[in-house]
Amino acid sequence: MDAFKRHSLGGRLHSDKKSPKVEPQRPGTLDMVVESPPLVFYNTPAQSSGALFSGQLKLNITEPQTTLDKFEMRLLATVTTKKPVAQHCTDCSTQTTEIHKWEFLKEVVSLKHGMHQYPFSHLLPGHLPATTHGTLATLDYSLCAVATTSTGEKITYKRQLDVKRAIFPGNEKHSIRIFPPTNLTASVTLPPVIHPIGDFPIEMRLSGLVTNKEDSQTRWRLRKLNWRIEETHKFVSPACPKHVGKVGGEGKGVLHEDVHVIANEEVKTGWKTDFAQGNIDAEFRAACNMALKPVCDMESPNGMEVKHNLIIEMVVAEEWAPLKKPNQATPTGAARVLRTQFHLVLTERAGMGISWDEEQPPMYEDVPASPPTYVEDFDIARLEAETSSLHI
């Protein structure tokens, strides 16, 4: 008889799935069209002319008519530290600075349904630091646009800006290092700037290898050559007004430093030893490891800094040989580790390197601004007579 019992329909009527939430319709949407080239500061902060940023904000009104009380956009620079003075404090970990502000409305306006465009432009100063995502802190630039209606509804739009810096290459850098108490001297030639992608040449000459005596000589032989590129991050974590007591007062902070290797290699070949001249010539190429995400050089007034150093280590062993048979050398058992470092400038590639102020057309002093005027006066009666004779 159980087969004739009426089954319950409760499982079908009551579903476990929640009904989707319907978001209220917004009075409009915002979008942006960027018309300027990518934001690149050419050359050092002291020599850069900045980068021009321009575009159009597109406000699409979805309702038949909407009244706007305020429409503005701000260019913000946000610094976020990964080691704040007080943990779980938003004001200690994030600092936001307003660089520029656009106000598109001077009074209340009523907009009809459709697309409305608002052009904007701004020259970013060249002394600003580039966008940086370091191990201790990050620096980001963003645009925040807000349109407020008469009913209090807000139409928002946010866009991240990637600001880069490209330093023009100059002359090669020549450096000399002395390793006392020996007579060894290293002369190194380096490029003025290096880039995250691509390798760069390093030329080195080690001189002062041989010391001659009456019937014998002592000399140094290169056994091992290593190089590495170290990236140093520094940042001063500021304190918010609530936690200034932890750092000793207002305007002070906690200095953090992080040093890590972004490339290293052992050079096994590539050098030439000449004991007659007493020199070792080495040429090799180095490059950053992109898997380790190298960060370009930067320095900011708030204490954020990124720098790079090339460290070269050489292991040399001492040998003794008679002057009559210099090829029959005997190791003395003495060895030294020679270590030296050089500052490297890691920057983005400049490409064509044309900044905004160099893109303007040339100005000619001999050409006037207005069209030329006619000196001779024409007789209208004579012109009409010529016209009638031509039967025009």
Protein backbone atom coordinates (compact mmCIF):
# COMPACT_ATOMS: atom_id res chain seq x y z
CA MET A 1 0.00 0.00 0.00
CA ASP A 2 2.98 2.29 0.36
CA ALA A 3 3.11 2.58 -3.40
CA PHE A 4 -0.27 4.33 -3.43
CA LYS A 5 0.66 6.86 -0.77
CA ARG A 6 0.92 10.47 -1.91
CA HIS A 7 4.49 11.60 -2.02
CA SER A 8 5.45 14.93 -0.54
CA LEU A 9 6.24 17.71 -2.95
CA GLY A 10 8.07 19.78 -0.36
CA GLY A 11 11.48 18.99 -1.77
CA ARG A 12 10.46 20.42 -5.13
CA LEU A 13 8.75 23.48 -3.77
CA HIS A 14 11.58 24.48 -1.41
CA SER A 15 14.94 24.75 -3.18
CA ASP A 16 18.22 25.10 -1.31
CA LYS A 17 19.55 27.57 -3.86
CA LYS A 18 19.36 31.20 -2.84
CA SER A 19 17.74 33.66 -5.20
CA PRO A 20 20.23 36.00 -6.87
CA LYS A 21 20.41 39.53 -5.58
CA VAL A 22 19.34 42.15 -8.06
CA GLU A 23 21.59 45.20 -7.92
CA PRO A 24 19.89 48.56 -8.33
CA GLN A 25 20.33 50.14 -11.72
CA ARG A 26 22.86 52.93 -11.73
CA PRO A 27 22.07 56.23 -13.42
CA GLY A 28 25.15 55.92 -15.64
CA THR A 29 28.61 54.45 -16.22
CA LEU A 30 32.07 55.92 -16.62
CA ASP A 31 34.82 54.92 -19.01
CA MET A 32 38.11 56.45 -20.13
CA VAL A 33 40.00 56.74 -23.40
CA VAL A 34 43.71 57.59 -23.04
CA GLU A 35 45.05 59.62 -25.96
CA SER A 36 48.63 60.23 -24.80
CA PRO A 37 51.55 57.79 -25.21
CA PRO A 38 52.75 55.65 -22.27
CA LEU A 39 53.93 57.64 -19.27
CA VAL A 40 57.73 57.60 -19.34
CA PHE A 41 60.03 60.05 -17.55
CA TYR A 42 63.14 60.43 -19.66
CA ASN A 43 66.47 60.97 -17.88
CA THR A 44 67.14 61.59 -14.19
CA PRO A 45 64.63 63.33 -11.90
CA ALA A 46 66.69 66.52 -11.98
CA GLN A 47 66.82 66.61 -15.80
CA SER A 48 63.45 65.13 -16.80
CA SER A 49 60.79 67.39 -18.31
CA GLY A 50 57.97 65.12 -17.14
CA ALA A 51 55.32 63.20 -19.05
CA LEU A 52 52.12 64.51 -20.60
CA PHE A 53 48.94 62.58 -19.82
CA SER A 54 45.70 63.32 -21.67
CA GLY A 55 42.46 61.58 -22.53
CA GLN A 56 38.69 61.75 -22.33
CA LEU A 57 36.25 60.66 -19.67
CA LYS A 58 33.09 59.18 -21.17
CA LEU A 59 29.96 59.43 -19.06
CA ASN A 60 27.12 57.26 -20.38
CA ILE A 61 23.76 58.27 -18.89
CA THR A 62 21.38 55.30 -18.84
CA GLU A 63 18.33 57.16 -17.53
CA PRO A 64 16.26 59.60 -19.60
CA GLN A 65 17.67 62.52 -17.63
CA THR A 66 20.06 62.87 -14.72
CA THR A 67 21.17 65.88 -12.71
CA LEU A 68 24.79 66.03 -11.60
CA ASP A 69 25.83 68.11 -8.60
CA LYS A 70 29.54 67.33 -8.76
CA PHE A 71 31.91 65.63 -11.20
CA GLU A 72 35.61 65.45 -10.33
CA MET A 73 38.67 63.26 -10.83
CA ARG A 74 41.84 62.98 -8.78
CA LEU A 75 45.32 61.72 -9.58
CA LEU A 76 46.60 59.86 -6.53
CA ALA A 77 49.94 58.39 -5.45
CA THR A 78 49.56 55.54 -2.97
CA VAL A 79 52.47 54.17 -0.92
CA THR A 80 51.85 50.88 0.86
CA THR A 81 54.41 49.44 3.26
CA LYS A 82 54.68 45.75 4.03
CA LYS A 83 56.22 46.44 7.45
CA PRO A 84 54.10 49.14 9.11
CA VAL A 85 54.86 50.62 12.52
CA ALA A 86 51.64 49.20 13.93
CA GLN A 87 50.32 45.94 12.57
CA HIS A 88 46.73 45.93 11.27
CA CYS A 89 46.67 49.76 11.16
CA THR A 90 45.50 51.06 7.80
CA ASP A 91 46.83 54.58 8.38
CA CYS A 92 50.31 53.26 9.18
CA SER A 93 50.48 50.91 6.19
CA THR A 94 49.01 53.16 3.49
CA GLN A 95 49.66 56.82 2.66
CA THR A 96 47.84 58.54 -0.19
CA THR A 97 48.90 61.85 -1.76
CA GLU A 98 46.81 63.88 -4.20
CA ILE A 99 48.90 65.06 -7.14
CA HIS A 100 46.23 66.78 -9.23
CA LYS A 101 42.47 67.32 -9.23
CA TRP A 102 40.08 67.99 -12.11
CA GLU A 103 36.67 69.59 -11.54
CA PHE A 104 34.57 69.15 -14.67
CA LEU A 105 31.46 70.98 -13.40
CA LYS A 106 31.27 74.54 -12.14
CA GLU A 107 27.54 74.33 -11.45
CA VAL A 108 24.72 71.81 -11.36
CA VAL A 109 23.94 70.42 -14.82
CA SER A 110 21.19 68.22 -16.23
CA LEU A 111 22.31 65.58 -18.71
CA LYS A 112 20.10 63.66 -21.10
CA HIS A 113 20.34 60.00 -22.03
CA GLY A 114 23.46 59.15 -24.03
CA MET A 115 27.23 59.62 -24.09
CA HIS A 116 28.91 62.77 -22.75
CA GLN A 117 32.67 63.38 -23.11
CA TYR A 118 34.96 65.39 -20.85
CA PRO A 119 38.56 65.93 -22.02
CA PHE A 120 41.39 66.26 -19.50
CA SER A 121 45.17 66.64 -19.49
CA HIS A 122 47.99 67.10 -17.02
CA LEU A 123 51.77 67.31 -17.11
CA LEU A 124 53.26 64.94 -14.55
CA PRO A 125 56.43 66.50 -13.07
CA GLY A 126 59.65 64.69 -13.92
CA HIS A 127 60.87 64.56 -10.31
CA LEU A 128 58.14 62.09 -9.33
CA PRO A 129 59.36 58.53 -8.70
CA ALA A 130 58.26 55.78 -11.07
CA THR A 131 55.76 53.05 -10.23
CA THR A 132 57.60 50.61 -7.96
CA HIS A 133 56.64 47.23 -6.51
CA GLY A 134 59.45 46.47 -4.08
CA THR A 135 59.98 43.94 -1.33
CA LEU A 136 59.38 46.49 1.45
CA ALA A 137 56.89 48.92 -0.09
CA THR A 138 54.92 49.65 -3.25
CA LEU A 139 54.21 52.93 -5.04
CA ASP A 140 51.20 53.10 -7.36
CA TYR A 141 49.52 55.88 -9.30
CA SER A 142 45.77 55.84 -9.96
CA LEU A 143 42.93 57.96 -11.31
CA CYS A 144 39.70 58.12 -9.30
CA ALA A 145 36.67 59.77 -10.94
CA VAL A 146 33.39 60.34 -9.06
CA ALA A 147 30.16 61.80 -10.47
CA THR A 148 27.56 62.64 -7.80
CA THR A 149 23.89 62.96 -8.79
CA SER A 150 21.27 65.16 -7.15
CA THR A 151 19.84 62.09 -5.38
CA GLY A 152 23.20 61.31 -3.77
CA GLU A 153 24.08 58.37 -6.04
CA LYS A 154 27.72 58.12 -7.10
CA ILE A 155 29.12 56.94 -10.43
CA THR A 156 32.72 55.88 -9.86
CA TYR A 157 35.65 54.90 -12.06
CA LYS A 158 39.22 53.90 -11.14
CA ARG A 159 42.22 53.26 -13.36
CA GLN A 160 45.81 52.35 -12.53
CA LEU A 161 48.63 54.27 -14.20
CA ASP A 162 52.01 52.69 -14.94
CA VAL A 163 54.68 55.39 -14.71
CA LYS A 164 58.18 54.42 -15.86
CA ARG A 165 61.57 56.10 -15.99
CA ALA A 166 64.19 55.68 -18.72
CA ILE A 167 67.66 57.14 -18.24
CA PHE A 168 69.62 57.87 -21.40
CA PRO A 169 72.92 55.99 -21.69
CA GLY A 170 76.07 58.07 -21.60
CA ASN A 171 79.76 57.30 -21.69
CA GLU A 172 81.17 54.03 -20.39
CA LYS A 173 82.30 53.95 -16.77
CA HIS A 174 85.95 53.13 -16.06
CA SER A 175 86.86 52.14 -12.51
CA ILE A 176 90.13 51.08 -10.88
CA ARG A 177 90.39 48.98 -7.73
CA ILE A 178 93.57 48.27 -5.73
CA PHE A 179 93.95 45.18 -3.55
CA PRO A 180 96.59 45.78 -0.84
CA PRO A 181 98.91 44.36 0.44
CA THR A 182 99.43 42.85 -3.01
CA ASN A 183 100.34 44.78 -6.14
CA LEU A 184 97.18 43.62 -7.92
CA THR A 185 95.07 46.28 -9.61
CA ALA A 186 91.74 45.72 -11.38
CA SER A 187 90.58 48.04 -14.16
CA VAL A 188 86.90 47.49 -15.02
CA THR A 189 84.80 48.95 -17.84
CA LEU A 190 81.01 48.96 -17.36
CA PRO A 191 78.07 50.34 -19.34
CA PRO A 192 76.47 53.53 -17.94
CA VAL A 193 73.04 51.90 -17.55
CA ILE A 194 71.66 48.37 -17.69
CA HIS A 195 68.14 47.07 -18.35
CA PRO A 196 65.98 44.36 -16.79
CA ILE A 197 65.82 42.49 -20.10
CA GLY A 198 69.02 41.79 -22.03
CA ASP A 199 72.65 41.26 -21.11
CA PHE A 200 75.53 43.73 -20.90
CA PRO A 201 79.31 43.40 -21.38
CA ILE A 202 81.94 43.61 -18.63
CA GLU A 203 85.62 44.12 -19.42
CA MET A 204 88.26 43.69 -16.73
CA ARG A 205 92.04 43.78 -16.64
CA LEU A 206 93.95 42.49 -13.62
CA SER A 207 97.51 43.84 -13.58
CA GLY A 208 100.47 43.54 -11.21
CA LEU A 209 100.56 39.74 -11.35
CA VAL A 210 104.33 39.21 -11.47
CA THR A 211 107.01 40.17 -8.93
CA ASN A 212 110.56 39.50 -10.23
CA LYS A 213 113.55 38.73 -8.04
CA GLU A 214 117.19 37.96 -8.90
CA ASP A 215 116.70 34.42 -10.17
CA SER A 216 112.99 33.73 -9.67
CA GLN A 217 109.57 35.30 -9.78
CA THR A 218 106.34 35.04 -7.84
CA ARG A 219 103.09 35.47 -9.67
CA TRP A 220 99.33 35.21 -9.16
CA ARG A 221 97.15 32.90 -11.22
CA LEU A 222 93.39 33.38 -11.51
CA ARG A 223 91.61 30.21 -10.37
CA LYS A 224 87.99 31.32 -10.04
CA LEU A 225 85.82 34.28 -11.08
CA ASN A 226 82.29 34.93 -9.82
CA TRP A 227 79.90 37.84 -10.23
CA ARG A 228 76.51 38.70 -8.80
CA ILE A 229 74.08 41.63 -8.85
CA GLU A 230 72.62 42.67 -5.52
CA GLU A 231 69.42 44.68 -5.22
CA THR A 232 69.05 46.84 -2.10
CA HIS A 233 65.63 48.08 -0.97
CA LYS A 234 65.27 50.75 1.71
CA PHE A 235 62.12 52.26 3.14
CA VAL A 236 61.25 54.40 6.15
CA SER A 237 57.91 53.24 7.54
CA PRO A 238 56.03 56.30 8.84
CA ALA A 239 53.67 56.30 11.79
CA CYS A 240 50.12 57.63 11.85
CA PRO A 241 49.14 60.25 14.48
CA LYS A 242 47.89 57.49 16.80
CA HIS A 243 51.22 55.61 16.84
CA VAL A 244 53.83 58.40 16.68
CA GLY A 245 54.89 57.46 20.20
CA LYS A 246 56.39 54.21 18.94
CA VAL A 247 58.92 56.00 16.72
CA GLY A 248 59.84 58.86 19.04
CA GLY A 249 57.70 61.69 17.71
CA GLU A 250 56.10 63.14 14.63
CA GLY A 251 58.05 63.10 11.37
CA LYS A 252 60.10 60.04 12.31
CA GLY A 253 59.88 56.43 11.16
CA VAL A 254 61.49 53.00 11.18
CA LEU A 255 64.16 52.25 8.58
CA HIS A 256 63.94 48.84 6.90
CA GLU A 257 66.49 47.39 4.49
CA ASP A 258 66.42 44.29 2.32
CA VAL A 259 69.30 42.99 0.17
CA HIS A 260 68.85 40.08 -2.21
CA VAL A 261 70.60 38.71 -5.29
CA ILE A 262 68.86 39.09 -8.65
CA ALA A 263 71.59 37.44 -10.78
CA ASN A 264 74.80 35.47 -10.27
CA GLU A 265 77.12 33.25 -12.28
CA GLU A 266 80.55 31.64 -12.19
CA VAL A 267 82.77 32.55 -15.14
CA LYS A 268 84.73 29.45 -16.05
CA THR A 269 86.25 30.64 -19.32
CA GLY A 270 86.85 33.89 -21.10
CA TRP A 271 90.05 35.25 -19.58
CA LYS A 272 93.55 35.36 -21.00
CA THR A 273 96.69 35.28 -18.85
CA ASP A 274 99.88 37.01 -20.05
CA PHE A 275 102.68 36.66 -17.49
CA ALA A 276 105.10 38.45 -19.82
CA GLN A 277 103.09 41.65 -19.49
CA GLY A 278 101.79 40.74 -16.04
CA ASN A 279 98.10 41.09 -16.97
CA ILE A 280 94.92 39.03 -17.05
CA ASP A 281 92.25 40.20 -19.50
CA ALA A 282 88.69 38.97 -18.91
CA GLU A 283 85.54 39.68 -20.91
CA PHE A 284 82.15 38.25 -20.01
CA ARG A 285 78.48 39.17 -20.19
CA ALA A 286 76.03 39.55 -17.31
CA ALA A 287 72.25 39.84 -17.18
CA CYS A 288 69.43 40.14 -14.64
CA ASN A 289 67.30 37.12 -13.90
CA MET A 290 63.77 38.08 -14.91
CA ALA A 291 62.36 35.23 -12.82
CA LEU A 292 63.48 37.13 -9.70
CA LYS A 293 61.54 40.26 -10.82
CA PRO A 294 64.22 42.97 -10.67
CA VAL A 295 63.08 46.50 -9.81
CA CYS A 296 64.51 49.58 -11.52
CA ASP A 297 66.51 52.17 -9.59
CA MET A 298 64.44 54.79 -7.80
CA GLU A 299 64.68 57.24 -4.93
CA SER A 300 61.84 59.07 -3.24
CA PRO A 301 61.79 61.84 -0.61
CA ASN A 302 59.66 59.64 1.66
CA GLY A 303 62.62 57.30 2.21
CA MET A 304 61.87 54.71 -0.47
CA GLU A 305 64.99 53.70 -2.38
CA VAL A 306 66.13 50.92 -4.73
CA LYS A 307 69.77 50.55 -5.82
CA HIS A 308 71.95 47.88 -7.47
CA ASN A 309 75.56 46.79 -7.08
CA LEU A 310 77.71 44.49 -9.18
CA ILE A 311 80.02 42.39 -6.99
CA ILE A 312 82.98 40.59 -8.56
CA GLU A 313 84.90 37.95 -6.61
CA MET A 314 88.19 36.44 -7.80
CA VAL A 315 90.24 33.66 -6.24
CA VAL A 316 93.96 33.95 -7.06
CA ALA A 317 96.70 31.49 -6.11
CA GLU A 318 100.40 32.36 -5.74
CA GLU A 319 103.04 30.52 -7.77
CA TRP A 320 106.86 30.47 -7.75
CA ALA A 321 108.90 29.93 -10.91
CA PRO A 322 112.60 30.29 -11.82
CA LEU A 323 113.43 32.93 -14.40
CA LYS A 324 115.29 30.41 -16.57
CA LYS A 325 112.25 28.11 -16.72
CA PRO A 326 109.16 30.27 -16.15
CA ASN A 327 106.84 27.51 -17.37
CA GLN A 328 107.82 25.24 -14.48
CA ALA A 329 105.74 26.95 -11.80
CA THR A 330 105.27 25.60 -8.30
CA PRO A 331 102.29 26.60 -6.12
CA THR A 332 103.34 28.24 -2.87
CA GLY A 333 100.06 27.40 -1.13
CA ALA A 334 99.10 31.05 -0.65
CA ALA A 335 95.77 32.23 -2.03
CA ARG A 336 93.60 35.29 -1.74
CA VAL A 337 89.99 36.22 -2.40
CA LEU A 338 89.67 39.57 -4.18
CA ARG A 339 86.27 41.19 -3.83
CA THR A 340 85.10 44.49 -5.30
CA GLN A 341 81.76 46.11 -6.09
CA PHE A 342 80.48 48.69 -8.56
CA HIS A 343 77.27 50.69 -8.63
CA LEU A 344 74.89 49.85 -11.47
CA VAL A 345 71.96 51.92 -12.74
CA LEU A 346 69.04 49.66 -13.68
CA THR A 347 66.48 51.48 -15.82
CA GLU A 348 63.90 50.90 -18.52
CA ARG A 349 64.89 51.11 -22.17
CA ALA A 350 64.48 54.62 -23.59
CA GLY A 351 63.46 53.49 -27.08
CA MET A 352 63.39 56.52 -29.38
CA GLY A 353 63.64 58.72 -26.30
CA ILE A 354 61.36 61.52 -27.49
CA SER A 355 59.76 63.40 -24.62
CA TRP A 356 56.61 65.50 -24.89
CA ASP A 357 58.42 68.84 -25.24
CA GLU A 358 60.49 67.53 -28.17
CA GLU A 359 57.42 66.39 -30.12
CA GLN A 360 56.27 69.97 -30.82
CA PRO A 361 56.77 71.22 -34.41
CA PRO A 362 59.67 73.61 -34.92
CA MET A 363 59.08 77.36 -34.70
CA TYR A 364 60.43 79.51 -37.53
CA GLU A 365 61.26 83.12 -36.75
CA ASP A 366 61.03 84.29 -40.39
CA VAL A 367 57.50 83.01 -40.93
CA PRO A 368 54.77 85.25 -39.47
CA ALA A 369 51.90 83.81 -37.50
CA SER A 370 49.21 85.22 -39.86
CA PRO A 371 48.87 84.87 -43.67
CA PRO A 372 50.75 87.48 -45.76
CA THR A 373 48.93 90.68 -46.73
CA TYR A 374 48.69 92.02 -50.29
CA VAL A 375 50.56 95.26 -50.88
CA GLU A 376 49.11 96.19 -54.29
CA ASP A 377 45.53 97.59 -54.47
CA PHE A 378 43.30 96.42 -57.30
CA ASP A 379 40.87 98.66 -59.17
CA ILE A 380 37.45 97.04 -58.98
CA ALA A 381 36.17 98.86 -62.12
CA ARG A 382 39.14 97.63 -64.12
CA LEU A 383 38.62 94.09 -62.84
CA GLU A 384 34.95 94.16 -63.90
CA ALA A 385 35.92 95.41 -67.38
CA GLU A 386 38.39 92.54 -67.80
CA THR A 387 35.74 90.09 -66.66
CA SER A 388 33.16 91.40 -69.19
CA SER A 389 35.69 91.17 -72.01
CA LEU A 390 36.23 87.51 -71.25
CA HIS A 391 32.44 86.93 -71.46
CA ILE A 392 32.37 85.28 -68.05
